[in-house]
Amino acid sequence: MNYSNLFRIAIRALLRNKLRAFLTMLGIIIGVASVIAMLALGEGSKMSIREEMSSMGTNMVMVMPNSQRRGGVSLGSSGSMALKYSDVTALRNEAGSITSVSPEVRASGQVIYGNQNSQTTIYGISEEYLTIKKLEVETGRLFNSQETKSMAKVCLLGQTVVEDLFGENVDPIGLSVRIKNLPFQVIGVLKEKGESGMGQDQDDMILAPYTTVQRRLAAIDYINGIYASAVTEEKSAEAIAEIEEILRRSHKLKESDENDFRIMSQSELIETVSSITDIMTLLLGAIAGISLLVGGIGIMNIMFVSVTERTREIGLRMSIGGRGKDILWQFLVESMLLSILGGILGIISGYLIARLAGSLMDSPVFVTTRSVVLAFVVCFAIGVFFGWYPAKKAAGLNPIDALRYE
């Protein structure tokens, strides 16, 4: 059996029906292009989210209250009073594996300047919050400890809030805005961060002293969360263990009691989000892969047609010494050529589609070597799997019956 002859015969057979061969490959092209584009967009989104979250500091540790339960029903954690400022003080004084710690108190409300208004979230924080969350002051200044103690009505605005209230190219430093009908003096503007990898506007926020937000805006005596920085990323696990031990002692929890708080590190959060995006990417790839199955069925259908059309040719080859194995390989090679050529065109199309979709959606794309290799392997497998049965049927024809076929 001469393999070079098999390839020449297969190529000639495909060139005799160029349009039919292309339409047969179209299913494979669309399937591979869909899989490559979906995986590239999914991988690009995952990398973007990881980079965005890493930019906030991989050594960040977050403490949130556990969900309240009443009668076995979860009431959520937003109204939980488990965390107090005394917990922040305890961590600041006793935790040796963290460098910075800040409370966070949240309040939503309308902020007004003149005849302009904006609905946003006001975060009550301490001075260390900016260092922990990698935020920067572009103009103006951060409030000081004296302003925090006195519950001063001062604030820093995110860029989105500045544009909504004052328009572009306006310096709001020194101006007063009203938050829930209370006047606040603008003392600073935060540097723009843009959208997060999950589509959240990171500039739609106002920062104020936690005492001011806690007492004057939210009217509560507890805090919504605690943010801290571990000494290093490697010591995040040690910091979590230390924070848990201190808070359990601070909350006077017995050994048998469950924590009334939960602790997460930024690195754990990154891994959790990555695993979710991986599942979504695989799901999208699997959905797109259905078109590969349809393309394979198309190849099988055309190969059956080809066997029927070339029955007399098969009988003639057998009558002059061609073996069933040679006939089987002849049609199998044609099937594999169709699927592999379709795969190559599909990979090129998928890359171009991914780049176009990425530019239109302003989303990063990343075509991995794994997805390209997977596409080639799948295309080869489709060629063999869907081409084998028609090829076996051709190889099993009786030479006399084949020569008589009309």
Protein backbone atom coordinates (compact mmCIF):
# COMPACT_ATOMS: atom_id res chain seq x y z
CA MET A 1 0.00 0.00 0.00
CA ASN A 2 1.57 3.26 -1.20
CA TYR A 3 0.51 6.10 1.13
CA SER A 4 1.64 8.84 -1.26
CA ASN A 5 -0.65 7.39 -3.95
CA LEU A 6 -3.50 7.27 -1.44
CA PHE A 7 -3.07 11.00 -0.72
CA ARG A 8 -2.89 11.88 -4.43
CA ILE A 9 -6.06 9.88 -5.18
CA ALA A 10 -7.85 11.44 -2.21
CA ILE A 11 -6.84 14.98 -3.23
CA ARG A 12 -7.97 14.36 -6.85
CA ALA A 13 -11.32 13.03 -5.61
CA LEU A 14 -11.86 16.13 -3.48
CA LEU A 15 -10.81 18.52 -6.25
CA ARG A 16 -13.35 16.93 -8.62
CA ASN A 17 -16.10 18.20 -6.29
CA LYS A 18 -14.61 21.40 -4.84
CA LEU A 19 -17.91 22.99 -3.77
CA ARG A 20 -19.20 19.82 -2.19
CA ALA A 21 -15.91 19.31 -0.35
CA PHE A 22 -15.99 22.89 0.94
CA LEU A 23 -19.62 22.64 2.09
CA THR A 24 -18.75 19.36 3.84
CA MET A 25 -15.83 21.06 5.60
CA LEU A 26 -18.00 24.04 6.56
CA GLY A 27 -19.49 22.22 9.52
CA ILE A 28 -16.00 21.41 10.84
CA ILE A 29 -14.81 24.99 10.15
CA ILE A 30 -17.73 26.51 12.06
CA GLY A 31 -17.36 24.04 14.92
CA VAL A 32 -13.61 24.52 15.37
CA ALA A 33 -13.88 28.31 14.93
CA SER A 34 -16.60 28.43 17.61
CA VAL A 35 -14.58 26.35 20.06
CA ILE A 36 -11.35 28.35 19.47
CA ALA A 37 -13.15 31.71 19.75
CA MET A 38 -15.08 30.71 22.90
CA LEU A 39 -11.99 29.31 24.64
CA ALA A 40 -9.91 32.36 23.62
CA LEU A 41 -12.49 34.81 24.99
CA GLY A 42 -12.97 32.72 28.14
CA GLU A 43 -9.23 32.44 28.77
CA GLY A 44 -8.73 36.15 28.09
CA SER A 45 -11.52 37.06 30.53
CA LYS A 46 -10.04 34.77 33.19
CA MET A 47 -6.59 36.35 32.82
CA SER A 48 -8.12 39.85 32.95
CA ILE A 49 -10.05 39.05 36.15
CA ARG A 50 -6.96 37.51 37.78
CA GLU A 51 -4.83 40.54 36.89
CA GLU A 52 -7.54 42.94 38.09
CA MET A 53 -7.93 41.15 41.41
CA SER A 54 -4.17 40.73 41.83
CA SER A 55 -3.77 44.49 41.35
CA MET A 56 -5.71 44.94 44.62
CA GLY A 57 -3.00 42.99 46.41
CA THR A 58 -2.74 39.22 46.69
CA ASN A 59 -1.96 39.58 50.40
CA MET A 60 -5.30 41.20 51.21
CA VAL A 61 -7.47 39.44 53.81
CA MET A 62 -11.19 40.17 54.22
CA VAL A 63 -13.37 39.50 57.25
CA MET A 64 -17.15 39.51 56.77
CA PRO A 65 -19.99 38.64 59.14
CA ASN A 66 -21.67 35.28 58.63
CA SER A 67 -25.26 35.17 57.46
CA GLN A 68 -27.88 35.64 60.13
CA ARG A 69 -30.29 32.75 60.51
CA ARG A 70 -33.74 32.80 62.03
CA GLY A 71 -35.83 29.65 62.24
CA GLY A 72 -33.41 27.86 59.92
CA VAL A 73 -33.78 30.57 57.24
CA SER A 74 -30.80 32.65 56.10
CA LEU A 75 -31.42 36.40 56.45
CA GLY A 76 -28.18 37.43 54.75
CA SER A 77 -25.14 39.07 56.28
CA SER A 78 -25.76 42.76 55.52
CA GLY A 79 -27.55 43.38 58.80
CA SER A 80 -25.36 41.19 60.96
CA MET A 81 -23.96 42.93 64.04
CA ALA A 82 -21.19 40.38 64.59
CA LEU A 83 -18.31 42.75 63.80
CA LYS A 84 -17.50 45.82 65.91
CA TYR A 85 -14.73 48.38 65.81
CA SER A 86 -13.30 46.70 68.91
CA ASP A 87 -12.43 43.76 66.61
CA VAL A 88 -10.34 46.11 64.46
CA THR A 89 -8.56 47.39 67.57
CA ALA A 90 -7.90 43.82 68.75
CA LEU A 91 -6.42 42.83 65.38
CA ARG A 92 -4.34 46.01 65.22
CA ASN A 93 -2.88 45.38 68.68
CA GLU A 94 -2.50 41.59 68.70
CA ALA A 95 -2.04 40.28 65.13
CA GLY A 96 1.63 40.07 64.22
CA SER A 97 1.14 38.64 60.72
CA ILE A 98 -0.77 41.66 59.36
CA THR A 99 0.60 45.11 58.58
CA SER A 100 -2.56 47.17 58.08
CA VAL A 101 -6.19 46.86 59.11
CA SER A 102 -9.25 48.98 58.39
CA PRO A 103 -12.97 48.76 59.11
CA GLU A 104 -15.51 49.17 56.32
CA VAL A 105 -19.01 50.57 56.78
CA ARG A 106 -21.26 50.81 53.72
CA ALA A 107 -24.21 53.08 53.02
CA SER A 108 -26.06 53.65 49.76
CA GLY A 109 -27.61 56.96 48.97
CA GLN A 110 -28.09 59.88 46.65
CA VAL A 111 -25.35 62.46 46.42
CA ILE A 112 -26.37 65.91 45.17
CA TYR A 113 -24.51 68.95 43.84
CA GLY A 114 -26.60 71.82 42.52
CA ASN A 115 -29.19 70.33 40.16
CA GLN A 116 -27.11 67.20 39.52
CA ASN A 117 -27.40 63.95 41.47
CA SER A 118 -25.96 60.45 41.45
CA GLN A 119 -26.90 57.22 43.23
CA THR A 120 -23.75 55.62 44.63
CA THR A 121 -22.20 53.73 47.56
CA ILE A 122 -20.44 55.52 50.41
CA TYR A 123 -17.69 53.54 52.13
CA GLY A 124 -16.72 54.44 55.67
CA ILE A 125 -13.05 53.56 56.20
CA SER A 126 -9.90 54.39 58.13
CA GLU A 127 -6.72 55.84 56.65
CA GLU A 128 -5.12 52.41 56.05
CA TYR A 129 -7.90 51.33 53.67
CA LEU A 130 -6.29 52.92 50.62
CA THR A 131 -3.00 51.10 51.20
CA ILE A 132 -4.79 47.76 51.66
CA LYS A 133 -6.95 48.07 48.53
CA LYS A 134 -4.27 49.76 46.39
CA LEU A 135 -6.27 52.97 45.90
CA GLU A 136 -4.54 56.29 45.16
CA VAL A 137 -5.50 59.92 45.70
CA GLU A 138 -5.12 61.84 42.43
CA THR A 139 -5.83 65.34 43.75
CA GLY A 140 -6.47 66.68 47.22
CA ARG A 141 -5.77 64.65 50.36
CA LEU A 142 -7.00 61.84 52.57
CA PHE A 143 -8.78 62.63 55.84
CA ASN A 144 -6.70 62.37 59.01
CA SER A 145 -7.20 60.65 62.37
CA GLN A 146 -8.55 63.82 64.00
CA GLU A 147 -11.26 64.12 61.33
CA THR A 148 -12.11 60.44 61.89
CA LYS A 149 -12.45 60.93 65.66
CA SER A 150 -14.61 64.01 65.26
CA MET A 151 -16.88 62.37 62.65
CA ALA A 152 -16.00 65.14 60.21
CA LYS A 153 -18.23 65.48 57.16
CA VAL A 154 -15.45 65.19 54.59
CA CYS A 155 -15.16 62.81 51.65
CA LEU A 156 -13.17 61.65 48.62
CA LEU A 157 -14.97 61.08 45.31
CA GLY A 158 -14.41 58.43 42.65
CA GLN A 159 -14.02 59.62 39.05
CA THR A 160 -17.49 58.42 38.00
CA VAL A 161 -19.14 60.43 40.79
CA VAL A 162 -17.07 63.51 39.85
CA GLU A 163 -18.19 63.27 36.20
CA ASP A 164 -21.84 62.67 37.13
CA LEU A 165 -21.99 65.67 39.48
CA PHE A 166 -19.54 68.19 38.03
CA GLY A 167 -18.88 67.13 34.42
CA GLU A 168 -15.44 66.72 32.89
CA ASN A 169 -12.34 68.80 33.66
CA VAL A 170 -13.80 70.26 36.86
CA ASP A 171 -11.82 70.31 40.12
CA PRO A 172 -14.31 69.63 42.96
CA ILE A 173 -11.79 70.08 45.80
CA GLY A 174 -13.26 72.43 48.43
CA LEU A 175 -16.81 72.19 47.10
CA SER A 176 -19.68 70.78 49.16
CA VAL A 177 -22.00 67.96 48.12
CA ARG A 178 -25.06 66.65 49.96
CA ILE A 179 -25.25 62.97 50.93
CA LYS A 180 -28.60 61.97 52.42
CA ASN A 181 -29.24 65.70 53.01
CA LEU A 182 -26.00 66.15 54.97
CA PRO A 183 -23.35 68.54 53.59
CA PHE A 184 -19.93 66.93 52.94
CA GLN A 185 -16.82 68.85 51.88
CA VAL A 186 -14.86 67.25 49.06
CA ILE A 187 -11.20 67.03 50.13
CA GLY A 188 -9.91 64.59 47.51
CA VAL A 189 -10.46 62.76 44.22
CA LEU A 190 -9.42 59.14 43.73
CA LYS A 191 -7.30 58.01 40.80
CA GLU A 192 -9.33 56.27 38.06
CA LYS A 193 -9.36 52.46 38.17
CA GLY A 194 -11.96 51.67 35.48
CA GLU A 195 -14.18 48.61 35.35
CA SER A 196 -13.23 45.43 37.15
CA GLY A 197 -12.90 42.16 35.25
CA MET A 198 -16.45 41.33 36.37
CA GLY A 199 -17.92 44.53 34.92
CA GLN A 200 -18.18 46.55 38.15
CA ASP A 201 -17.39 50.28 37.99
CA GLN A 202 -14.61 50.74 40.56
CA ASP A 203 -14.84 54.54 40.32
CA ASP A 204 -18.51 54.78 41.34
CA MET A 205 -17.81 55.30 45.05
CA ILE A 206 -17.33 57.85 47.82
CA LEU A 207 -14.91 57.40 50.74
CA ALA A 208 -15.50 59.03 54.11
CA PRO A 209 -14.35 58.44 57.71
CA TYR A 210 -15.94 55.24 59.06
CA THR A 211 -17.22 57.10 62.14
CA THR A 212 -19.10 59.58 59.96
CA VAL A 213 -20.73 56.90 57.80
CA GLN A 214 -21.45 54.68 60.78
CA ARG A 215 -23.11 57.31 62.96
CA ARG A 216 -24.38 60.04 60.63
CA LEU A 217 -25.40 58.06 57.50
CA ALA A 218 -26.04 54.43 58.43
CA ALA A 219 -26.96 55.04 62.10
CA ILE A 220 -25.49 51.75 63.29
CA ASP A 221 -23.01 50.74 65.99
CA TYR A 222 -21.43 47.81 64.11
CA ILE A 223 -19.26 47.57 60.98
CA ASN A 224 -19.89 45.68 57.74
CA GLY A 225 -16.41 44.25 57.26
CA ILE A 226 -12.71 44.37 58.05
CA TYR A 227 -9.90 44.58 55.49
CA ALA A 228 -6.31 43.73 56.37
CA SER A 229 -2.96 43.17 54.64
CA ALA A 230 -0.89 40.11 55.49
CA VAL A 231 2.86 40.68 55.82
CA THR A 232 3.39 38.71 52.57
CA GLU A 233 1.18 36.63 50.26
CA GLU A 234 2.88 33.47 51.58
CA LYS A 235 1.80 34.37 55.12
CA SER A 236 -1.87 34.84 54.18
CA ALA A 237 -2.81 31.43 55.63
CA GLU A 238 -0.97 32.26 58.86
CA ALA A 239 -2.74 35.63 59.01
CA ILE A 240 -6.15 33.98 58.52
CA ALA A 241 -5.47 31.53 61.36
CA GLU A 242 -4.30 34.34 63.63
CA ILE A 243 -7.29 36.57 62.81
CA GLU A 244 -9.69 33.68 63.45
CA GLU A 245 -8.12 32.96 66.84
CA ILE A 246 -8.24 36.64 67.91
CA LEU A 247 -11.83 37.19 66.74
CA ARG A 248 -13.12 34.00 68.36
CA ARG A 249 -11.58 35.16 71.63
CA SER A 250 -12.91 38.70 71.12
CA HIS A 251 -16.43 37.36 70.44
CA LYS A 252 -16.21 34.99 73.43
CA LEU A 253 -17.08 31.96 71.30
CA LYS A 254 -16.93 28.53 72.89
CA GLU A 255 -14.98 25.72 71.30
CA SER A 256 -18.21 24.11 70.10
CA ASP A 257 -19.57 27.39 68.65
CA GLU A 258 -19.39 28.14 64.95
CA ASN A 259 -17.71 31.34 63.78
CA ASP A 260 -20.07 34.30 63.45
CA PHE A 261 -17.70 35.67 60.80
CA ARG A 262 -15.93 34.37 57.71
CA ILE A 263 -12.41 35.11 56.52
CA MET A 264 -11.24 35.12 52.90
CA SER A 265 -7.86 35.90 51.42
CA GLN A 266 -7.54 37.60 48.05
CA SER A 267 -5.59 34.65 46.65
CA GLU A 268 -8.42 32.27 47.66
CA LEU A 269 -10.93 34.59 46.04
CA ILE A 270 -8.86 34.67 42.85
CA GLU A 271 -8.75 30.86 42.74
CA THR A 272 -12.51 30.64 43.35
CA VAL A 273 -13.29 33.12 40.55
CA SER A 274 -10.81 31.33 38.25
CA SER A 275 -12.50 27.98 38.86
CA ILE A 276 -15.91 29.52 38.07
CA THR A 277 -14.61 31.09 34.83
CA ASP A 278 -12.96 27.77 33.92
CA ILE A 279 -16.32 25.99 34.26
CA MET A 280 -18.06 28.68 32.19
CA THR A 281 -15.34 28.49 29.50
CA LEU A 282 -15.61 24.69 29.30
CA LEU A 283 -19.40 24.93 29.15
CA LEU A 284 -19.25 27.43 26.28
CA GLY A 285 -16.64 25.28 24.53
CA ALA A 286 -18.83 22.18 24.93
CA ILE A 287 -21.84 23.99 23.49
CA ALA A 288 -19.75 25.17 20.54
CA GLY A 289 -18.38 21.62 20.18
CA ILE A 290 -21.88 20.36 19.28
CA SER A 291 -21.37 21.91 15.83
CA LEU A 292 -18.27 19.69 15.47
CA LEU A 293 -20.51 16.67 15.91
CA VAL A 294 -22.85 18.04 13.24
CA GLY A 295 -19.83 18.56 10.96
CA GLY A 296 -18.73 14.96 11.54
CA ILE A 297 -22.19 13.69 10.60
CA GLY A 298 -21.93 15.80 7.43
CA ILE A 299 -18.62 14.14 6.56
CA MET A 300 -20.17 10.66 7.08
CA ASN A 301 -23.12 11.59 4.89
CA ILE A 302 -20.91 12.84 2.03
CA MET A 303 -18.64 9.79 2.28
CA PHE A 304 -21.68 7.52 1.90
CA VAL A 305 -22.68 9.52 -1.18
CA SER A 306 -19.14 9.23 -2.52
CA VAL A 307 -19.13 5.45 -2.00
CA THR A 308 -22.42 5.16 -3.86
CA GLU A 309 -21.21 7.37 -6.75
CA ARG A 310 -17.95 5.47 -7.11
CA THR A 311 -19.24 1.92 -6.74
CA ARG A 312 -18.15 0.93 -10.27
CA GLU A 313 -14.72 2.52 -9.67
CA ILE A 314 -14.38 0.45 -6.48
CA GLY A 315 -15.34 -2.73 -8.37
CA LEU A 316 -12.79 -1.95 -11.07
CA ARG A 317 -10.00 -1.40 -8.52
CA MET A 318 -10.83 -4.67 -6.81
CA SER A 319 -10.98 -6.60 -10.08
CA ILE A 320 -7.39 -5.57 -10.93
CA GLY A 321 -5.96 -6.62 -7.59
CA GLY A 322 -7.01 -3.94 -5.12
CA ARG A 323 -7.56 -5.30 -1.64
CA GLY A 324 -10.36 -4.36 0.70
CA LYS A 325 -7.81 -2.75 3.01
CA ASP A 326 -6.61 -0.48 0.17
CA ILE A 327 -10.18 0.63 -0.60
CA LEU A 328 -10.81 1.25 3.13
CA TRP A 329 -7.71 3.43 3.43
CA GLN A 330 -8.60 5.33 0.23
CA PHE A 331 -11.93 6.56 1.64
CA LEU A 332 -10.58 6.95 5.18
CA VAL A 333 -7.81 9.27 3.95
CA GLU A 334 -10.40 11.38 2.07
CA SER A 335 -12.44 11.68 5.28
CA MET A 336 -9.39 12.66 7.35
CA LEU A 337 -8.28 15.22 4.76
CA LEU A 338 -11.72 16.85 4.86
CA SER A 339 -11.71 17.08 8.65
CA ILE A 340 -8.07 18.20 9.02
CA LEU A 341 -8.34 20.88 6.29
CA GLY A 342 -11.60 22.04 7.89
CA GLY A 343 -9.81 22.13 11.25
CA ILE A 344 -6.95 24.30 9.91
CA LEU A 345 -9.39 26.76 8.33
CA GLY A 346 -11.47 26.65 11.53
CA ILE A 347 -8.48 27.53 13.73
CA ILE A 348 -7.59 30.49 11.51
CA SER A 349 -11.24 31.64 11.42
CA GLY A 350 -11.61 31.15 15.19
CA TYR A 351 -8.53 33.27 15.90
CA LEU A 352 -9.80 36.07 13.63
CA ILE A 353 -13.31 35.90 15.12
CA ALA A 354 -11.90 36.00 18.66
CA ARG A 355 -9.76 39.04 17.84
CA LEU A 356 -12.73 40.81 16.24
CA ALA A 357 -15.09 39.95 19.12
CA GLY A 358 -12.43 41.03 21.64
CA SER A 359 -11.99 44.41 19.97
CA LEU A 360 -15.76 44.97 19.68
CA MET A 361 -16.41 44.02 23.32
CA ASP A 362 -13.15 45.61 24.53
CA SER A 363 -12.24 42.27 26.08
CA PRO A 364 -8.83 40.53 26.01
CA VAL A 365 -8.44 37.26 24.06
CA PHE A 366 -5.85 34.55 24.47
CA VAL A 367 -5.58 31.57 22.11
CA THR A 368 -3.82 28.81 24.02
CA THR A 369 -1.65 26.10 22.47
CA ARG A 370 -3.83 23.58 24.29
CA SER A 371 -6.96 24.68 22.41
CA VAL A 372 -5.18 24.49 19.02
CA VAL A 373 -3.76 21.01 19.73
CA LEU A 374 -7.17 19.89 21.02
CA ALA A 375 -8.81 21.15 17.80
CA PHE A 376 -6.35 19.14 15.65
CA VAL A 377 -6.83 15.98 17.72
CA VAL A 378 -10.62 16.29 17.62
CA CYS A 379 -10.61 16.92 13.86
CA PHE A 380 -8.40 13.87 13.27
CA ALA A 381 -10.64 11.76 15.50
CA ILE A 382 -13.75 12.99 13.66
CA GLY A 383 -12.17 12.08 10.31
CA VAL A 384 -11.39 8.56 11.50
CA PHE A 385 -14.62 7.99 13.46
CA PHE A 386 -17.10 9.31 10.89
CA GLY A 387 -15.12 8.13 7.86
CA TRP A 388 -14.51 4.58 9.04
CA TYR A 389 -18.02 3.15 8.52
CA PRO A 390 -18.49 4.44 4.94
CA ALA A 391 -14.92 3.31 4.14
CA LYS A 392 -15.63 -0.15 5.61
CA LYS A 393 -18.80 -0.38 3.54
CA ALA A 394 -16.79 0.44 0.41
CA ALA A 395 -14.13 -2.12 1.31
CA GLY A 396 -16.78 -4.82 1.81
CA LEU A 397 -18.39 -4.47 -1.62
CA ASN A 398 -18.46 -7.54 -3.88
CA PRO A 399 -16.34 -6.73 -6.99
CA ILE A 400 -18.85 -8.40 -9.37
CA ASP A 401 -21.85 -6.57 -7.89
CA ALA A 402 -19.87 -3.31 -7.89
CA LEU A 403 -19.00 -3.64 -11.61
CA ARG A 404 -22.67 -4.31 -12.41
CA TYR A 405 -23.86 -1.32 -10.38
CA GLU A 406 -25.68 1.34 -12.40
